[in-house]
C-alpha cells in the first residue's frame, strides 16, 4: 500500500493498529487456567462477557504461546473483540521501555519471578480512552494483583498497583497514557537541536505527531505536543492535514497545523534528527506522522516563533471532556488529598527542605459567557465541609474581580484538579495510589 493511501484511510476509513499489552501476576504461583479466566471475566460487573472460546495456536508459536482465546465483551453498549494469549516468560530488554508511572521495588522483584504472563490484543473503538480503560479492566479481571503491565505500542511499563486501582475505577486514566513522547537531541548544552515525536496514536485512528529541529524552548514544545496529542484523542477535535487549530491563548491564539512528514522533511536538512535520512522502515520512523508548524497570517512557519510566548506560560486549551474527566478523578480522590494535607501541612514551615505544599485547580465562572477559567490556588485550610481556602497563584484573564495572591474560599464543587508537592516527589489524583 502506498504511504499516501494510509493518510486517506486514517482520515476517511478509520483504520488503526491493534493495542497490545501484557500483564504479569504478583504471585509466582499464579496459574492461568481456562475456567478460572472465563469465570473472572463473567463475574466482572462493569462489562459483560459475550463470548470466550479457545483458539488455535500456529505451529511456529507453540513453543512460546501455551493458550490462546478469542473473547468478546460488551462495554458501554459497544462490542469489543480481544485475543488473549498465555506466554512463557522470556528475557526482555527493559531499556527499550519507559516507565509510565513509578514502580515499587516489590513490583519489580515480583515481575522478575514470573514464569508466565497474559498478553491481550484489541482494536479500539472511536472512544479511545474508554477502549484503553476496558483493556486494562479485562486484564486485571483475570490477574487481580498484577506486578506490572507492558503497553507495547508506546513501549511503556505500568505499575501493577496503578493498574489495579485504575481498573476498578469508573473514571478512565489520563489520555497521555495512550501515547509516549520521545525527546531526542544532539549537540552541546547551549546548542542542542530536538526532535519530539509521539508513539501510540496509530492505535487511535490518528497520525503520530512531531516537532522537528527545535532549538529553543524544547520543554514548552513538549507540553504543546502533549496538548495536541490529547486533543487528537477526541474524535470531534481531531484535525485534518493543513487544518489550522489553536492550542492556547496569550491575548492572541497560538495557531498550529500539521503536514505529513513526507512533505515536511523536504524543508529541513536531510541529516537532522528526524530528517529524511532517518525515515525508513528499519528505523520505525516511516509510518503516517504529522509535523507540526506554527501558522501566522495563513502561512506555515517555524513553531519557534512562539518560543518566547510559550515561556511566559500562556493559557492552554483543554477539551471539555478532558476537563470533566480530570475533575471527576480529582473529586473522587480528594479525601486522600485532604488526609495527607491534614498530616503534612502543620510541618510546612518547620523545615524548608522537607516542606510539603498543596495546590488545587478551581473552575471559576468568567465575567462574560458561561465558561469557567481554571485557576491554581495554594491551599491553606480545608474545613469539615470540604470548603477549600487558598492563595491564588496566577492572574486571571477573564475574571476582573480576582487578582493574583488573593485569598479565597470555595466549595468542593469548583474543584477540577489538584497536586501535592512532597519533600521528594509530587502526587496527583493519578499517582496518589503510591501513598494509599
Protein backbone atom coordinates (compact mmCIF):
# COMPACT_ATOMS: atom_id res chain seq x y z
CA UNK A 1 0.00 0.00 0.00
CA UNK A 2 1.28 3.48 -0.86
CA UNK A 3 2.07 5.72 2.11
CA UNK A 4 -0.27 8.43 0.79
CA UNK A 5 -3.12 5.92 0.87
CA UNK A 6 -2.61 5.37 4.59
CA UNK A 7 -3.28 9.03 5.39
CA UNK A 8 -6.52 8.87 3.43
CA UNK A 9 -7.56 5.62 5.10
CA UNK A 10 -6.86 7.01 8.56
CA UNK A 11 -8.98 10.09 7.92
CA UNK A 12 -11.77 8.61 5.83
CA UNK A 13 -11.96 4.90 6.70
CA UNK A 14 -10.98 4.93 10.36
CA UNK A 15 -8.12 2.42 10.10
CA UNK A 16 -5.95 1.87 13.17
CA UNK A 17 -3.49 -0.61 14.63
CA UNK A 18 -4.28 -3.00 17.45
CA UNK A 19 -3.46 -2.17 21.05
CA UNK A 20 -1.28 -4.88 22.57
CA UNK A 21 -0.46 -5.22 26.25
CA UNK A 22 0.87 -7.85 28.63
CA UNK A 23 0.05 -8.31 32.31
CA UNK A 24 2.23 -10.12 34.87
CA UNK A 25 0.95 -11.55 38.17
CA UNK A 26 2.49 -10.70 41.53
CA UNK A 27 2.22 -14.28 42.79
CA UNK A 28 4.80 -16.50 41.10
CA UNK A 29 2.46 -19.47 41.67
CA UNK A 30 -0.40 -17.86 39.75
CA UNK A 31 -1.98 -20.30 37.27
CA UNK A 32 -3.64 -19.22 34.02
CA UNK A 33 -6.46 -21.76 33.91
CA UNK A 34 -9.22 -21.61 31.29
CA UNK A 35 -12.26 -21.97 33.53
CA UNK A 36 -10.87 -19.57 36.12
CA UNK A 37 -10.18 -16.92 33.47
CA UNK A 38 -13.64 -17.33 31.97
CA UNK A 39 -15.28 -17.06 35.39
CA UNK A 40 -13.25 -13.98 36.27
CA UNK A 41 -14.47 -12.21 33.14
CA UNK A 42 -18.06 -13.39 33.56
CA UNK A 43 -18.20 -12.15 37.15
CA UNK A 44 -16.99 -8.65 36.35
CA UNK A 45 -19.77 -6.09 36.84
CA UNK A 46 -18.51 -3.22 34.67
CA UNK A 47 -18.53 -5.16 31.38
CA UNK A 48 -20.45 -8.17 30.05
CA UNK A 49 -18.75 -11.31 28.76
CA UNK A 50 -20.40 -12.32 25.47
CA UNK A 51 -18.00 -14.97 24.16
CA UNK A 52 -14.99 -16.90 25.45
CA UNK A 53 -13.58 -19.50 23.06
CA UNK A 54 -10.30 -21.39 22.80
CA UNK A 55 -8.42 -20.55 19.58
CA UNK A 56 -5.88 -22.45 17.51
CA UNK A 57 -2.21 -21.67 18.08
CA UNK A 58 0.01 -21.57 15.00
CA UNK A 59 2.60 -24.34 14.89
CA UNK A 60 5.56 -21.96 14.94
CA UNK A 61 4.22 -20.18 18.05
CA UNK A 62 3.58 -23.22 20.26
CA UNK A 63 6.99 -23.02 21.89
CA UNK A 64 6.07 -19.66 23.43
CA UNK A 65 2.26 -19.50 23.47
CA UNK A 66 0.59 -22.05 25.77
CA UNK A 67 -3.04 -20.94 25.48
CA UNK A 68 -5.00 -18.69 23.14
CA UNK A 69 -8.59 -17.44 23.43
CA UNK A 70 -10.93 -15.22 21.45
CA UNK A 71 -13.10 -13.08 23.69
CA UNK A 72 -16.00 -10.73 23.09
CA UNK A 73 -17.21 -8.30 25.74
CA UNK A 74 -19.82 -5.57 25.79
CA UNK A 75 -18.70 -2.33 27.43
CA UNK A 76 -20.76 0.85 27.49
CA UNK A 77 -23.04 -0.53 24.76
CA UNK A 78 -20.11 -1.28 22.42
CA UNK A 79 -18.86 -4.77 21.50
CA UNK A 80 -15.12 -5.40 21.71
CA UNK A 81 -13.17 -8.40 20.43
CA UNK A 82 -9.94 -9.37 22.16
CA UNK A 83 -7.32 -12.05 21.69
CA UNK A 84 -5.91 -13.46 24.94
CA UNK A 85 -2.65 -15.42 24.89
CA UNK A 86 -0.75 -17.05 27.75
CA UNK A 87 3.00 -16.85 27.11
CA UNK A 88 6.03 -18.48 28.64
CA UNK A 89 8.04 -15.63 30.12
CA UNK A 90 11.24 -14.57 28.40
CA UNK A 91 14.02 -12.07 28.98
CA UNK A 92 13.21 -8.57 27.76
CA UNK A 93 15.47 -5.61 27.14
CA UNK A 94 13.83 -3.32 29.67
CA UNK A 95 15.93 -0.40 28.43
CA UNK A 96 13.61 -0.29 25.41
CA UNK A 97 10.67 0.63 27.67
CA UNK A 98 9.85 3.81 29.55
CA UNK A 99 8.18 3.95 32.95
CA UNK A 100 4.58 5.11 32.66
CA UNK A 101 4.47 5.70 36.41
CA UNK A 102 6.55 4.85 39.44
CA UNK A 103 7.06 1.14 40.07
CA UNK A 104 7.98 -0.14 43.53
CA UNK A 105 10.89 -2.45 44.23
CA UNK A 106 8.38 -5.11 45.27
CA UNK A 107 6.66 -4.89 41.89
CA UNK A 108 9.98 -5.19 40.06
CA UNK A 109 11.01 -8.23 42.07
CA UNK A 110 7.62 -9.90 41.59
CA UNK A 111 7.79 -9.34 37.83
CA UNK A 112 11.23 -10.95 37.64
CA UNK A 113 9.94 -14.09 39.39
CA UNK A 114 7.14 -14.80 36.92
CA UNK A 115 7.20 -17.82 34.63
CA UNK A 116 4.13 -16.88 32.58
CA UNK A 117 2.20 -13.80 31.52
CA UNK A 118 -1.01 -12.88 29.72
CA UNK A 119 -0.95 -10.86 26.50
CA UNK A 120 -4.02 -9.09 25.08
CA UNK A 121 -4.71 -7.63 21.64
CA UNK A 122 -7.66 -5.35 20.93
CA UNK A 123 -8.88 -2.79 18.39
CA UNK A 124 -10.04 0.44 19.98
CA UNK A 125 -13.45 1.90 19.23
CA UNK A 126 -13.72 5.60 18.41
CA UNK A 127 -13.79 6.27 22.14
CA UNK A 128 -10.10 5.58 22.55
CA UNK A 129 -9.83 6.34 26.25
CA UNK A 130 -12.71 4.05 27.21
CA UNK A 131 -11.24 1.35 24.95
CA UNK A 132 -7.88 1.62 26.69
CA UNK A 133 -9.62 1.53 30.07
CA UNK A 134 -11.51 -1.62 29.06
CA UNK A 135 -8.32 -3.40 28.02
CA UNK A 136 -6.89 -2.74 31.47
CA UNK A 137 -10.12 -3.94 33.09
CA UNK A 138 -10.12 -7.23 31.13
CA UNK A 139 -6.52 -7.99 32.08
CA UNK A 140 -6.98 -7.05 35.73
CA UNK A 141 -10.16 -9.13 35.97
CA UNK A 142 -8.00 -12.19 35.22
CA UNK A 143 -4.89 -11.08 37.13
CA UNK A 144 -6.35 -9.29 40.15
CA UNK A 145 -2.99 -8.44 41.74
CA UNK A 146 -0.58 -7.62 38.90
CA UNK A 147 3.07 -6.74 39.33
CA UNK A 148 3.46 -4.76 36.08
CA UNK A 149 1.82 -4.25 32.70
CA UNK A 150 3.71 -3.76 29.43
CA UNK A 151 2.00 -1.49 26.89
CA UNK A 152 3.76 -2.32 23.64
CA UNK A 153 2.82 0.50 21.26
CA UNK A 154 4.26 3.33 23.38
CA UNK A 155 6.82 0.88 24.86
CA UNK A 156 5.80 1.67 28.41
CA UNK A 157 5.76 -0.21 31.74
CA UNK A 158 2.90 0.45 34.16
CA UNK A 159 2.72 -0.15 37.91
CA UNK A 160 0.57 -3.12 38.87
CA UNK A 161 -0.92 -1.20 41.79
CA UNK A 162 -1.85 1.67 39.45
CA UNK A 163 -3.43 -0.82 37.03
CA UNK A 164 -5.47 -2.39 39.83
CA UNK A 165 -6.80 0.92 41.16
CA UNK A 166 -7.44 2.32 37.67
CA UNK A 167 -9.23 -0.82 36.50
CA UNK A 168 -11.61 -0.75 39.45
CA UNK A 169 -12.46 2.91 38.91
CA UNK A 170 -15.31 4.15 36.74
CA UNK A 171 -13.12 7.08 35.66
CA UNK A 172 -10.66 6.41 32.82
CA UNK A 173 -6.98 7.35 33.13
CA UNK A 174 -5.40 10.41 31.54
CA UNK A 175 -5.19 10.46 27.71
CA UNK A 176 -1.41 10.77 28.00
CA UNK A 177 -1.29 7.07 28.94
CA UNK A 178 -2.25 6.19 25.37
CA UNK A 179 0.98 7.53 23.90
CA UNK A 180 4.51 8.50 24.80
CA UNK A 181 6.62 11.43 23.64
CA UNK A 182 10.22 10.73 22.76
CA UNK A 183 12.59 13.67 23.11
CA UNK A 184 15.74 13.06 21.08
CA UNK A 185 18.52 15.64 20.88
CA UNK A 186 22.01 16.21 19.55
CA UNK A 187 24.62 18.88 20.26
CA UNK A 188 26.03 20.53 23.37
CA UNK A 189 24.02 22.13 26.16
CA UNK A 190 23.93 25.59 24.59
CA UNK A 191 23.45 24.37 21.04
CA UNK A 192 21.04 21.45 21.14
CA UNK A 193 18.56 20.51 18.47
CA UNK A 194 15.50 18.47 19.49
CA UNK A 195 13.19 16.09 17.69
CA UNK A 196 9.99 15.48 19.67
CA UNK A 197 7.66 12.74 18.45
CA UNK A 198 4.83 10.53 19.72
CA UNK A 199 4.34 6.76 19.72
CA UNK A 200 0.92 5.26 20.37
CA UNK A 201 -1.54 7.34 18.34
CA UNK A 202 -1.69 4.83 15.48
CA UNK A 203 -3.98 2.64 17.60
CA UNK A 204 -6.28 5.65 17.98
CA UNK A 205 -7.06 6.23 14.29
CA UNK A 206 -4.61 9.14 14.18
CA UNK A 207 -1.26 10.03 12.70
CA UNK A 208 1.66 10.30 15.08
CA UNK A 209 2.74 13.89 15.79
CA UNK A 210 6.13 15.59 15.98
CA UNK A 211 8.21 18.74 16.13
CA UNK A 212 11.42 18.88 14.08
CA UNK A 213 14.63 20.84 14.66
CA UNK A 214 13.57 22.64 17.85
CA UNK A 215 16.45 24.69 19.26
CA UNK A 216 14.62 26.99 21.67
CA UNK A 217 12.04 26.10 24.32
CA UNK A 218 12.14 22.31 23.99
CA UNK A 219 10.23 21.78 27.26
CA UNK A 220 7.47 24.18 26.21
CA UNK A 221 7.10 22.44 22.84
CA UNK A 222 6.99 19.10 24.67
CA UNK A 223 3.99 20.50 26.58
CA UNK A 224 2.36 21.72 23.36
CA UNK A 225 2.83 18.30 21.76
CA UNK A 226 1.09 16.76 24.78
CA UNK A 227 -1.84 19.14 24.40
CA UNK A 228 -2.21 18.49 20.67
CA UNK A 229 -1.91 14.71 21.07
CA UNK A 230 -4.50 14.71 23.84
CA UNK A 231 -6.89 16.76 21.70
CA UNK A 232 -6.47 14.28 18.82
CA UNK A 233 -7.81 11.55 21.11
CA UNK A 234 -11.23 13.20 20.99
CA UNK A 235 -12.79 12.35 17.64
CA UNK A 236 -14.61 15.66 17.21
CA UNK A 237 -11.43 17.69 17.80
CA UNK A 238 -9.08 15.68 15.59
CA UNK A 239 -7.67 17.92 12.86
CA UNK A 240 -7.13 17.16 9.18
CA UNK A 241 -3.85 17.86 7.41
CA UNK A 242 -3.24 21.62 6.97
CA UNK A 243 -6.29 22.48 9.11
CA UNK A 244 -5.46 25.36 11.47
CA UNK A 245 -6.23 24.99 15.19
CA UNK A 246 -5.38 26.90 18.38
CA UNK A 247 -3.71 25.26 21.37
CA UNK A 248 -3.82 28.25 23.69
CA UNK A 249 -4.17 31.97 24.20
CA UNK A 250 -1.92 34.84 25.31
CA UNK A 251 -4.02 37.71 24.01
CA UNK A 252 -3.95 36.09 20.57
CA UNK A 253 -4.47 32.49 19.56
CA UNK A 254 -1.48 30.13 19.38
CA UNK A 255 -2.18 28.59 15.97
CA UNK A 256 -0.74 25.37 14.55
CA UNK A 257 -1.36 22.86 11.79
CA UNK A 258 0.23 19.59 10.76
CA UNK A 259 1.67 18.35 7.48
CA UNK A 260 2.66 14.77 6.64
CA UNK A 261 6.34 14.11 7.19
CA UNK A 262 6.93 13.16 3.54
CA UNK A 263 6.38 16.81 2.59
CA UNK A 264 7.69 18.43 5.75
CA UNK A 265 11.16 16.89 5.85
CA UNK A 266 11.96 18.44 2.48
CA UNK A 267 12.06 21.81 4.25
CA UNK A 268 14.89 20.65 6.54
CA UNK A 269 18.44 19.37 6.00
CA UNK A 270 18.29 15.57 5.44
CA UNK A 271 20.80 14.79 8.20
CA UNK A 272 18.95 16.40 11.14
CA UNK A 273 17.33 14.22 13.79
CA UNK A 274 14.08 13.03 12.25
CA UNK A 275 15.21 14.18 8.82
CA UNK A 276 14.96 12.30 5.56
CA UNK A 277 18.00 10.14 6.32
CA UNK A 278 16.19 8.57 9.31
CA UNK A 279 12.90 7.91 7.52
CA UNK A 280 12.97 4.24 6.69
CA UNK A 281 11.11 1.17 7.94
CA UNK A 282 14.19 -0.12 9.78
CA UNK A 283 14.26 3.00 11.96
CA UNK A 284 10.50 2.72 12.63
CA UNK A 285 10.05 6.37 11.64
CA UNK A 286 8.28 5.66 8.39
CA UNK A 287 4.63 5.42 9.41
CA UNK A 288 2.00 8.14 8.97
CA UNK A 289 3.07 11.13 11.02
CA UNK A 290 2.31 14.85 11.06
CA UNK A 291 4.97 17.50 11.60
CA UNK A 292 3.56 20.49 13.50
CA UNK A 293 4.11 24.04 12.26
CA UNK A 294 3.04 27.41 13.62
CA UNK A 295 0.57 29.36 11.48
CA UNK A 296 0.66 33.14 11.19
CA UNK A 297 -1.18 35.17 8.56
CA UNK A 298 -2.20 31.92 6.85
CA UNK A 299 1.43 30.88 6.39
CA UNK A 300 3.15 27.82 7.89
CA UNK A 301 6.25 28.94 9.77
CA UNK A 302 8.69 27.51 12.30
CA UNK A 303 6.97 26.78 15.63
CA UNK A 304 9.89 28.51 17.33
CA UNK A 305 8.16 31.79 16.53
CA UNK A 306 6.14 31.01 19.67
CA UNK A 307 9.16 30.16 21.86
CA UNK A 308 9.09 33.39 23.90
CA UNK A 309 5.30 33.32 24.23
CA UNK A 310 5.31 29.73 25.45
CA UNK A 311 8.00 30.56 28.02
CA UNK A 312 5.62 33.16 29.53
CA UNK A 313 3.06 30.48 30.50
CA UNK A 314 0.12 31.20 28.19
CA UNK A 315 -3.33 29.78 28.81
CA UNK A 316 -3.62 26.36 27.15
CA UNK A 317 -6.93 25.00 25.94
CA UNK A 318 -8.18 21.69 27.34
CA UNK A 319 -11.28 20.00 25.95
CA UNK A 320 -14.48 19.95 27.99
CA UNK A 321 -14.35 16.14 28.04
CA UNK A 322 -10.83 16.11 29.50
CA UNK A 323 -11.69 18.85 32.00
CA UNK A 324 -14.66 16.78 33.17
CA UNK A 325 -12.54 13.62 33.43
CA UNK A 326 -9.84 15.41 35.42
CA UNK A 327 -12.43 16.98 37.71
CA UNK A 328 -14.15 13.66 38.31
CA UNK A 329 -10.86 11.97 39.23
CA UNK A 330 -9.78 14.87 41.45
CA UNK A 331 -13.14 14.80 43.25
CA UNK A 332 -13.14 11.01 43.54
CA UNK A 333 -9.74 11.01 45.26
CA UNK A 334 -10.00 14.28 47.16
CA UNK A 335 -10.28 12.58 50.55
CA UNK A 336 -6.77 11.20 50.06
CA UNK A 337 -5.58 14.76 49.30
CA UNK A 338 -7.35 16.05 52.42
CA UNK A 339 -5.95 13.30 54.65
CA UNK A 340 -2.37 13.99 53.57
CA UNK A 341 -2.94 17.76 53.88
CA UNK A 342 -4.04 17.29 57.49
CA UNK A 343 -0.98 15.13 58.18
CA UNK A 344 1.65 17.29 56.50
CA UNK A 345 0.51 20.93 56.40
CA UNK A 346 1.40 21.74 60.01
CA UNK A 347 5.02 20.83 59.33
CA UNK A 348 5.42 23.02 56.26
CA UNK A 349 7.24 25.88 57.93
CA UNK A 350 9.46 23.87 60.27
CA UNK A 351 11.98 22.66 57.72
CA UNK A 352 12.06 24.18 54.23
CA UNK A 353 13.83 21.15 52.77
CA UNK A 354 11.04 18.83 53.94
CA UNK A 355 8.18 21.24 53.20
CA UNK A 356 5.04 19.94 51.51
CA UNK A 357 2.72 22.17 49.50
CA UNK A 358 -0.83 21.51 48.34
CA UNK A 359 -2.37 23.05 45.24
CA UNK A 360 -5.89 22.84 43.84
CA UNK A 361 -7.20 23.93 40.46
CA UNK A 362 -10.65 25.51 40.65
CA UNK A 363 -13.00 26.35 37.80
CA UNK A 364 -14.35 29.87 38.43
CA UNK A 365 -17.13 31.44 36.36
CA UNK A 366 -15.89 34.10 33.90
CA UNK A 367 -17.38 37.59 33.76
CA UNK A 368 -18.95 37.13 30.33
CA UNK A 369 -20.47 33.99 28.89
CA UNK A 370 -20.97 30.62 30.53
CA UNK A 371 -17.40 29.36 30.62
CA UNK A 372 -15.02 28.87 33.52
CA UNK A 373 -11.43 29.91 33.96
CA UNK A 374 -9.34 27.26 35.69
CA UNK A 375 -7.02 28.76 38.30
CA UNK A 376 -4.47 27.32 40.72
CA UNK A 377 -4.63 28.06 44.46
CA UNK A 378 -2.17 27.09 47.20
CA UNK A 379 -4.27 25.52 49.94
CA UNK A 380 -4.06 26.93 53.46
CA UNK A 381 -7.16 25.35 55.02
CA UNK A 382 -9.80 22.67 54.40
CA UNK A 383 -12.79 22.70 56.74
CA UNK A 384 -15.05 19.86 57.85
CA UNK A 385 -17.42 20.51 54.92
CA UNK A 386 -14.51 20.29 52.46
CA UNK A 387 -14.56 24.02 51.68
CA UNK A 388 -11.10 24.99 50.44
CA UNK A 389 -9.24 28.18 51.34
CA UNK A 390 -6.22 29.09 49.26
CA UNK A 391 -3.96 31.76 47.75
CA UNK A 392 -4.48 32.47 44.03
CA UNK A 393 -1.23 31.72 42.19
CA UNK A 394 -1.91 33.15 38.72
CA UNK A 395 -3.52 36.28 37.30
CA UNK A 396 -6.91 35.57 35.71
CA UNK A 397 -7.58 36.63 32.13
CA UNK A 398 -11.38 36.85 32.23
CA UNK A 399 -12.34 37.46 35.89
CA UNK A 400 -11.79 41.11 36.78
CA UNK A 401 -12.60 40.79 40.48
CA UNK A 402 -9.84 38.23 41.11
CA UNK A 403 -6.16 39.12 41.43
CA UNK A 404 -3.01 37.09 41.93
CA UNK A 405 -2.32 36.47 45.66
CA UNK A 406 -5.99 36.89 46.64
CA UNK A 407 -7.06 34.56 49.46
CA UNK A 408 -10.42 32.96 48.69
CA UNK A 409 -12.63 30.13 49.92
CA UNK A 410 -14.59 27.87 47.57
CA UNK A 411 -16.66 24.73 47.91
CA UNK A 412 -15.56 21.39 46.51
CA UNK A 413 -17.96 21.92 43.59
CA UNK A 414 -15.34 24.15 41.94
CA UNK A 415 -12.57 21.53 42.07
CA UNK A 416 -11.09 20.41 38.72
CA UNK A 417 -7.61 19.15 39.70
CA UNK A 418 -5.05 19.04 42.48
CA UNK A 419 -1.39 18.28 43.10
CA UNK A 420 0.70 17.59 46.20
CA UNK A 421 4.37 18.62 46.18
CA UNK A 422 6.11 16.37 48.68
CA UNK A 423 9.63 16.67 50.04
CA UNK A 424 10.96 14.26 47.42
CA UNK A 425 8.32 13.96 44.69
CA UNK A 426 4.85 15.14 43.73
CA UNK A 427 1.49 13.36 43.71
CA UNK A 428 -1.59 13.87 41.56
CA UNK A 429 -5.00 12.18 41.51
CA UNK A 430 -3.42 9.72 39.08
CA UNK A 431 -0.39 8.88 41.26
CA UNK A 432 -1.84 9.18 44.76
CA UNK A 433 -2.02 5.36 44.82
CA UNK A 434 1.63 5.48 45.95
CA UNK A 435 0.55 6.93 49.31
CA UNK A 436 -2.51 4.75 49.84
